[in-house]
N, C-alpha and C. Protein backbone atom coordinates (compact mmCIF):
# COMPACT_ATOMS: atom_id res chain seq x y z
N MET A 1 -91.64 29.77 -134.93
CA MET A 1 -92.83 29.00 -134.83
C MET A 1 -92.44 27.74 -134.55
N ALA A 2 -91.67 27.09 -135.65
CA ALA A 2 -91.25 25.79 -135.52
C ALA A 2 -90.61 25.19 -134.36
N LYS A 3 -89.78 26.06 -133.66
CA LYS A 3 -88.99 25.78 -132.83
C LYS A 3 -89.84 25.56 -131.32
N LEU A 4 -90.98 26.65 -131.50
CA LEU A 4 -92.12 26.84 -130.39
C LEU A 4 -92.75 25.10 -130.38
N LYS A 5 -93.37 25.30 -131.77
CA LYS A 5 -93.99 23.50 -131.73
C LYS A 5 -93.37 22.61 -131.62
N GLY A 6 -92.29 22.61 -131.78
CA GLY A 6 -91.37 21.24 -131.25
C GLY A 6 -91.14 21.03 -130.16
N VAL A 7 -91.10 22.06 -129.41
CA VAL A 7 -90.85 22.22 -127.96
C VAL A 7 -92.08 21.93 -127.01
N ILE A 8 -93.38 22.26 -127.72
CA ILE A 8 -94.75 21.94 -127.02
C ILE A 8 -94.75 20.47 -127.42
N GLN A 9 -94.49 20.19 -128.90
CA GLN A 9 -95.13 18.64 -129.26
C GLN A 9 -93.88 17.73 -128.01
N SER A 10 -93.25 18.40 -127.61
CA SER A 10 -91.94 17.11 -127.01
C SER A 10 -92.58 17.05 -125.76
N LEU A 11 -93.31 17.65 -124.91
CA LEU A 11 -94.42 17.14 -123.43
C LEU A 11 -95.21 16.57 -123.58
N PRO A 12 -95.25 16.18 -122.41
CA PRO A 12 -96.08 14.90 -122.10
C PRO A 12 -97.59 15.61 -121.97
N ARG A 13 -99.04 14.66 -122.57
CA ARG A 13 -100.24 15.22 -121.81
C ARG A 13 -100.53 16.92 -122.61
N THR A 14 -99.81 16.81 -123.85
CA THR A 14 -100.08 18.35 -124.41
C THR A 14 -100.69 17.61 -125.75
N LYS A 15 -101.70 18.75 -126.32
CA LYS A 15 -102.56 18.38 -127.57
C LYS A 15 -102.53 20.20 -128.35
N ILE A 16 -101.96 20.25 -129.49
CA ILE A 16 -101.93 21.28 -130.39
C ILE A 16 -103.24 21.22 -130.97
N ILE A 17 -104.29 22.48 -130.68
CA ILE A 17 -105.77 22.67 -130.90
C ILE A 17 -105.38 23.36 -132.24
N ALA A 18 -105.03 24.54 -132.30
CA ALA A 18 -105.06 25.40 -133.50
C ALA A 18 -104.00 25.83 -133.76
N GLU A 19 -103.50 26.30 -134.88
CA GLU A 19 -102.17 26.96 -135.27
C GLU A 19 -102.21 27.84 -136.71
N THR A 20 -101.86 28.92 -137.00
CA THR A 20 -101.39 29.30 -137.74
C THR A 20 -100.15 30.12 -137.97
N ASP A 21 -99.90 30.45 -138.79
CA ASP A 21 -97.87 30.99 -139.26
C ASP A 21 -97.36 31.56 -138.06
N ASN A 22 -98.38 32.57 -137.15
CA ASN A 22 -97.83 33.35 -135.71
C ASN A 22 -98.70 33.13 -134.49
N TYR A 23 -99.64 32.05 -134.59
CA TYR A 23 -100.69 32.04 -133.53
C TYR A 23 -100.51 30.03 -133.13
N LEU A 24 -100.34 29.80 -132.09
CA LEU A 24 -100.57 28.34 -131.51
C LEU A 24 -101.19 28.25 -130.42
N TYR A 25 -102.50 27.45 -130.34
CA TYR A 25 -103.18 27.32 -129.41
C TYR A 25 -102.85 25.27 -128.76
N ALA A 26 -102.51 25.47 -127.49
CA ALA A 26 -102.39 23.98 -127.63
C ALA A 26 -103.43 24.02 -125.83
N GLU A 27 -103.45 22.35 -125.50
CA GLU A 27 -103.89 22.38 -123.95
C GLU A 27 -103.01 21.29 -123.89
N PHE A 28 -102.94 21.95 -122.34
CA PHE A 28 -102.02 20.97 -121.27
C PHE A 28 -102.71 20.37 -120.49
N THR A 29 -102.64 18.92 -119.86
CA THR A 29 -103.69 18.28 -119.03
C THR A 29 -102.41 17.70 -118.07
N SER A 30 -103.08 17.92 -116.82
CA SER A 30 -102.38 17.40 -115.77
C SER A 30 -102.00 16.13 -115.32
N ALA A 31 -101.06 15.66 -114.68
CA ALA A 31 -100.63 14.13 -114.72
C ALA A 31 -101.84 13.91 -113.67
N MET A 32 -101.66 14.20 -112.60
CA MET A 32 -102.52 13.73 -111.39
C MET A 32 -104.08 14.13 -111.35
N MET A 33 -104.55 14.96 -111.73
CA MET A 33 -106.40 15.07 -111.92
C MET A 33 -106.85 15.39 -113.07
N GLY A 34 -106.05 15.20 -113.91
CA GLY A 34 -106.30 15.39 -115.43
C GLY A 34 -107.00 17.01 -115.54
N PHE A 35 -106.79 18.04 -114.86
CA PHE A 35 -106.53 19.17 -115.57
C PHE A 35 -106.58 19.68 -116.47
N VAL A 36 -107.17 20.52 -117.35
CA VAL A 36 -106.70 21.41 -118.41
C VAL A 36 -106.53 22.53 -118.46
N ASP A 37 -105.49 23.18 -119.02
CA ASP A 37 -105.13 24.58 -119.20
C ASP A 37 -105.12 24.92 -120.68
N ASP A 38 -105.48 26.15 -121.07
CA ASP A 38 -105.04 26.47 -122.48
C ASP A 38 -104.20 27.58 -122.39
N VAL A 39 -103.21 27.04 -123.48
CA VAL A 39 -102.17 28.08 -123.34
C VAL A 39 -102.11 28.52 -124.83
N GLU A 40 -102.16 30.03 -125.33
CA GLU A 40 -102.02 30.70 -126.30
C GLU A 40 -100.81 31.20 -126.63
N PHE A 41 -99.96 31.43 -127.86
CA PHE A 41 -98.69 31.65 -128.09
C PHE A 41 -99.19 32.71 -129.38
N TYR A 42 -98.65 34.02 -129.29
CA TYR A 42 -98.75 34.76 -130.44
C TYR A 42 -96.87 35.27 -130.91
N VAL A 43 -96.77 34.95 -132.09
CA VAL A 43 -95.07 35.21 -132.45
C VAL A 43 -95.61 36.52 -133.38
N ASP A 44 -94.78 37.76 -132.32
CA ASP A 44 -94.65 39.08 -132.92
C ASP A 44 -93.46 39.29 -133.38
N GLU A 45 -93.39 38.70 -134.89
CA GLU A 45 -92.37 38.95 -135.39
C GLU A 45 -91.56 40.74 -135.50
N ALA A 46 -92.47 41.68 -135.61
CA ALA A 46 -92.06 43.02 -135.68
C ALA A 46 -91.26 43.77 -134.02
N ALA A 47 -91.73 43.13 -132.97
CA ALA A 47 -91.28 43.21 -131.66
C ALA A 47 -90.63 42.03 -131.48
N LYS A 48 -90.10 41.21 -132.38
CA LYS A 48 -89.28 40.00 -131.70
C LYS A 48 -89.43 39.21 -130.61
N VAL A 49 -90.93 38.98 -129.98
CA VAL A 49 -91.17 38.68 -128.88
C VAL A 49 -92.30 37.54 -129.37
N ILE A 50 -92.78 36.55 -128.26
CA ILE A 50 -93.62 35.87 -128.50
C ILE A 50 -94.70 35.96 -127.13
N HIS A 51 -95.66 36.46 -127.48
CA HIS A 51 -96.84 36.72 -126.23
C HIS A 51 -97.58 35.46 -126.00
N VAL A 52 -97.84 35.27 -124.57
CA VAL A 52 -98.43 33.95 -124.10
C VAL A 52 -99.55 34.27 -122.85
N ARG A 53 -100.36 33.54 -123.03
CA ARG A 53 -101.35 33.31 -122.36
C ARG A 53 -101.90 32.20 -121.87
N SER A 54 -101.69 31.80 -120.76
CA SER A 54 -101.48 30.21 -120.03
C SER A 54 -103.04 30.69 -119.12
N ALA A 55 -103.75 29.97 -118.97
CA ALA A 55 -104.64 29.82 -117.70
C ALA A 55 -105.30 28.15 -117.64
N SER A 56 -105.82 28.15 -116.64
CA SER A 56 -106.53 27.34 -115.74
C SER A 56 -108.00 27.39 -116.43
N ARG A 57 -108.78 25.91 -116.70
CA ARG A 57 -110.18 26.04 -116.86
C ARG A 57 -111.04 26.33 -115.58
N LEU A 58 -110.41 25.55 -114.74
CA LEU A 58 -111.50 25.24 -113.26
C LEU A 58 -110.26 25.45 -112.08
N GLY A 59 -111.16 26.02 -111.24
CA GLY A 59 -110.50 26.42 -109.81
C GLY A 59 -110.18 27.94 -109.86
N GLN A 60 -109.66 28.58 -108.07
CA GLN A 60 -109.26 29.48 -108.26
C GLN A 60 -107.93 30.03 -108.45
N SER A 61 -107.09 28.79 -108.05
CA SER A 61 -105.45 29.04 -108.06
C SER A 61 -105.35 27.51 -108.50
N ASP A 62 -103.84 27.88 -109.57
CA ASP A 62 -103.50 26.37 -110.01
C ASP A 62 -101.97 26.51 -109.25
N LEU A 63 -101.85 27.02 -108.22
CA LEU A 63 -100.38 26.85 -107.28
C LEU A 63 -99.29 27.19 -108.12
N GLY A 64 -99.63 27.99 -108.85
CA GLY A 64 -98.57 28.53 -109.90
C GLY A 64 -97.71 27.84 -110.95
N VAL A 65 -98.73 26.63 -111.09
CA VAL A 65 -98.41 25.75 -112.37
C VAL A 65 -98.26 26.49 -113.90
N ASN A 66 -99.11 27.17 -114.04
CA ASN A 66 -99.29 27.97 -115.55
C ASN A 66 -97.72 28.66 -115.34
N ARG A 67 -97.28 29.48 -114.31
CA ARG A 67 -96.06 30.40 -114.38
C ARG A 67 -94.69 29.61 -114.58
N LYS A 68 -95.05 28.17 -114.19
CA LYS A 68 -93.52 27.68 -114.28
C LYS A 68 -93.60 26.66 -115.30
N ARG A 69 -94.83 26.36 -115.65
CA ARG A 69 -94.80 26.07 -117.47
C ARG A 69 -94.20 26.94 -118.28
N VAL A 70 -94.51 28.51 -118.40
CA VAL A 70 -94.17 29.30 -119.04
C VAL A 70 -92.46 29.27 -118.64
N GLU A 71 -92.16 29.43 -118.05
CA GLU A 71 -90.85 29.82 -117.56
C GLU A 71 -89.93 28.57 -118.05
N SER A 72 -90.60 27.18 -117.88
CA SER A 72 -89.65 26.00 -118.33
C SER A 72 -89.91 26.19 -119.95
N LEU A 73 -90.85 26.50 -120.66
CA LEU A 73 -91.22 26.87 -122.04
C LEU A 73 -89.96 27.54 -122.51
N ARG A 74 -89.64 28.92 -121.78
CA ARG A 74 -88.97 30.00 -122.15
C ARG A 74 -87.55 29.19 -122.06
N ALA A 75 -87.14 28.66 -121.16
CA ALA A 75 -85.54 28.03 -120.57
C ALA A 75 -85.64 26.99 -121.95
N GLU A 76 -86.65 26.42 -122.32
CA GLU A 76 -86.45 25.24 -123.42
C GLU A 76 -86.09 25.94 -124.57
N LEU A 77 -86.96 27.20 -125.15
CA LEU A 77 -86.62 27.77 -126.33
C LEU A 77 -85.59 28.42 -125.93
N ASN A 78 -84.41 28.85 -124.89
CA ASN A 78 -83.29 29.47 -125.45
C ASN A 78 -82.51 28.57 -125.53
N THR A 79 -82.75 27.56 -125.30
CA THR A 79 -81.49 26.55 -125.44
C THR A 79 -81.63 25.17 -126.43
N ARG A 80 -82.56 25.11 -126.94
CA ARG A 80 -83.21 24.41 -127.99
C ARG A 80 -82.54 24.97 -129.31
N PRO A 81 -81.66 24.41 -130.21
CA PRO A 81 -81.34 24.98 -131.28
C PRO A 81 -82.34 24.99 -132.41
N SER A 82 -82.40 25.65 -133.37
CA SER A 82 -83.40 26.26 -134.20
C SER A 82 -83.57 24.87 -135.17
N PRO A 83 -84.93 24.56 -135.70
CA PRO A 83 -84.91 23.22 -136.50
C PRO A 83 -84.44 23.62 -138.04
N SER A 84 -83.82 22.88 -138.44
CA SER A 84 -82.73 23.15 -139.94
C SER A 84 -83.70 23.14 -140.77
């Protein structure tokens, strides 16, 4: 969770709204129009996975922005060393 939080905090226009030991909710704001996307993470220790929900608040299509963000976060988590 510390590694995930560090990755999220390093991103621009991102605000962590709520967190527990295994859950994190953040808002990502787009640079151009200021649209807000809600992103939730649940760390499932037993299954060794992080469940992710990423959704735009407005509109019918985000043009793939949420998927790209999640893939970018996944790549960063896989390359960034764990905090000491």
